[in-house]
Every structure is written in C-alpha cells, then in structure tokens.
Protein backbone atom coordinates (compact mmCIF):
# COMPACT_ATOMS: atom_id res chain seq x y z
CA MET A 1 39.14 46.26 -22.54
CA LYS A 2 40.63 44.09 -25.17
CA LEU A 3 39.42 40.45 -25.49
CA PRO A 4 41.97 37.65 -25.71
CA ALA A 5 42.67 36.32 -29.17
CA ILE A 6 41.04 32.99 -28.34
CA LEU A 7 37.68 34.72 -28.00
CA LEU A 8 37.84 36.57 -31.32
CA GLY A 9 36.62 35.40 -34.73
CA GLU A 10 37.09 31.77 -35.74
CA ALA A 11 38.73 30.86 -32.43
CA ARG A 12 35.64 31.98 -30.49
CA THR A 13 33.46 29.63 -32.53
CA ARG A 14 35.80 26.73 -31.80
CA VAL A 15 35.85 27.52 -28.06
CA LEU A 16 32.05 27.64 -27.89
CA GLN A 17 31.80 24.42 -29.90
CA GLY A 18 34.26 22.76 -27.52
CA ILE A 19 32.27 23.89 -24.48
CA ALA A 20 29.01 22.59 -25.99
CA PHE A 21 30.59 19.26 -27.00
CA GLY A 22 32.18 18.87 -23.56
CA ALA A 23 28.85 19.50 -21.82
CA VAL A 24 27.01 16.97 -23.99
CA ALA A 25 29.78 14.38 -23.59
CA THR A 26 29.79 14.86 -19.81
CA MET A 27 26.03 14.33 -19.61
CA ALA A 28 26.11 11.29 -21.89
CA ILE A 29 28.92 9.66 -19.94
CA GLY A 30 27.25 10.53 -16.63
CA PHE A 31 23.90 8.97 -17.55
CA ILE A 32 25.32 5.95 -19.38
CA TRP A 33 28.26 4.92 -17.20
CA GLY A 34 28.25 7.29 -14.24
CA GLY A 35 25.05 6.11 -12.64
CA TRP A 36 23.22 9.42 -12.93
CA VAL A 37 19.42 9.11 -12.84
CA THR A 38 16.49 11.44 -13.27
CA GLY A 39 14.27 12.48 -10.37
CA GLU A 40 11.48 10.10 -11.39
CA THR A 41 13.87 7.14 -11.60
CA ALA A 42 15.21 8.02 -8.14
CA ARG A 43 11.65 8.08 -6.73
CA ILE A 44 10.92 4.67 -8.28
CA MET A 45 14.16 3.24 -6.88
CA ARG A 46 13.35 4.61 -3.43
CA ALA A 47 9.85 3.13 -3.49
CA THR A 48 11.20 -0.25 -4.61
CA ALA A 49 13.84 -0.28 -1.89
CA GLU A 50 11.25 0.69 0.72
CA SER A 51 8.91 -2.07 -0.44
CA ASP A 52 11.69 -4.65 -0.51
CA GLY A 53 12.78 -3.69 3.01
CA ARG A 54 9.23 -3.92 4.30
CA MET A 55 8.75 -7.29 2.60
CA SER A 56 11.93 -8.70 4.10
CA VAL A 57 10.50 -8.04 7.56
CA LEU A 58 6.85 -8.96 6.92
CA VAL A 59 7.23 -12.14 4.84
CA PRO A 60 8.61 -14.29 7.69
CA LEU A 61 5.72 -13.09 9.88
CA CYS A 62 3.25 -13.97 7.13
CA VAL A 63 4.79 -17.43 6.72
CA ALA A 64 4.51 -18.04 10.46
CA GLN A 65 0.85 -16.94 10.51
CA PHE A 66 0.03 -19.07 7.46
CA THR A 67 1.68 -22.23 8.76
CA ALA A 68 -0.11 -21.80 12.10
CA ALA A 69 -3.55 -21.77 10.40
CA ASP A 70 -5.43 -25.09 10.37
CA GLY A 71 -5.48 -26.81 6.99
CA ALA A 72 -3.60 -24.03 5.26
CA LEU A 73 -0.54 -26.05 4.25
CA ALA A 74 -2.61 -28.90 2.80
CA LYS A 75 -4.64 -26.49 0.71
CA PHE A 76 -1.47 -24.64 -0.32
CA LYS A 77 0.25 -27.83 -1.48
CA ALA A 78 -2.83 -28.92 -3.45
CA ALA A 79 -3.20 -25.58 -5.24
CA SER A 80 -1.57 -24.71 -8.54
CA PRO A 81 1.46 -22.42 -8.36
CA TYR A 82 -0.57 -19.60 -9.95
CA SER A 83 -3.31 -19.62 -7.32
CA ARG A 84 -1.13 -19.92 -4.22
CA GLY A 85 -1.18 -16.15 -3.68
CA ASN A 86 -4.97 -16.33 -3.41
CA ILE A 87 -4.70 -19.15 -0.87
CA VAL A 88 -2.34 -17.02 1.22
CA SER A 89 -4.75 -14.06 1.02
CA GLU A 90 -7.57 -16.34 2.14
CA PHE A 91 -5.82 -17.49 5.33
CA VAL A 92 -3.81 -14.36 6.22
CA LYS A 93 -5.71 -11.07 5.99
CA ASP A 94 -3.07 -8.72 7.41
CA VAL A 95 0.37 -8.88 8.98
CA ALA A 96 1.50 -6.26 11.50
CA SER A 97 -1.24 -3.84 10.40
CA THR A 98 -0.26 -4.25 6.73
CA SER A 99 -3.09 -5.45 4.54
CA MET A 100 -2.49 -8.24 2.08
CA ASP A 101 -2.09 -7.14 -1.54
CA TYR A 102 -1.07 -9.09 -4.63
CA SER A 103 2.69 -8.52 -4.39
CA PHE A 104 2.72 -9.23 -0.65
CA ALA A 105 0.71 -12.44 -1.13
CA LYS A 106 3.03 -13.54 -3.92
CA ALA A 107 6.13 -12.86 -1.78
CA CYS A 108 4.56 -14.71 1.13
CA ALA A 109 3.71 -17.68 -1.12
CA THR A 110 7.33 -17.81 -2.25
CA GLY A 111 8.43 -17.77 1.39
CA ILE A 112 6.02 -20.60 2.20
CA GLU A 113 7.37 -22.66 -0.71
CA THR A 114 10.90 -22.11 0.59
CA GLU A 115 9.83 -23.15 4.08
CA ILE A 116 8.18 -26.31 2.72
CA THR A 117 11.31 -27.29 0.80
CA LYS A 118 13.47 -26.67 3.88
CA THR A 119 11.34 -28.93 6.05
CA ALA A 120 11.17 -31.58 3.30
CA THR A 121 14.96 -31.75 2.99
CA LYS A 122 15.43 -32.01 6.76
CA THR A 123 13.29 -35.15 6.99
C-alpha cells in the first residue's frame, strides 16, 4: 500500500504540525472565548448556584422571623454594619431546618436592611 504524497517526507511534518497547532488553537479558543471550564470549576459553579438558589428562598423567611422577634429591629439598627450578621444569628437560630452560618446571616442582614429601607420610604 502506497501512502499519499502528503504523508511522505517534509509534507508529513507539515501535516502533523498543522494538526498539533489546530488542536492547541481549538483548546485555547474554547477555554478563553468558548466558555469551556474544567471539572473543578464546574463543581464550584454548581455549588454556588445551589447556595444562591437556597438563599433566595430562605432569606425572606429569615427576615420574617427576625422582624417578628421582640426588640430585634431596635438592636439591629443600633449595631454597626459589621456586627449585624451576629445580631441576626442571635435572634434567628435556624430557618426551615437550615442552621445559621456566616454567609446566611450576612445575606439575611442584607435582606433586613432592604426591608428597613422599603418601610422607611413608604412612610
């Protein structure tokens, strides 16, 4: 069996170089502009989306529980912005069987601040 001329000698080197360059260019373009990600990045993105989805459901419940607690809003308004997450953790221990952690308390504090500004602009 005779090989085609393109696969013999100098031409074969050029073909193999072209294949290698094409593969590298395809990968570079895919990762830079094509939106390709590694497995670890995909796992991180999934975990972030899951957390954000859970927070979007639980934060309004946390805000409702916090505003229903006696003296919570007064203490929240008096606290510095950096310690408001701790105030939320003090008054709300868990929401829908989800325990309060730092990121959840911070998201809830942001929701409470938004609720306070909404009620202040209505009056």
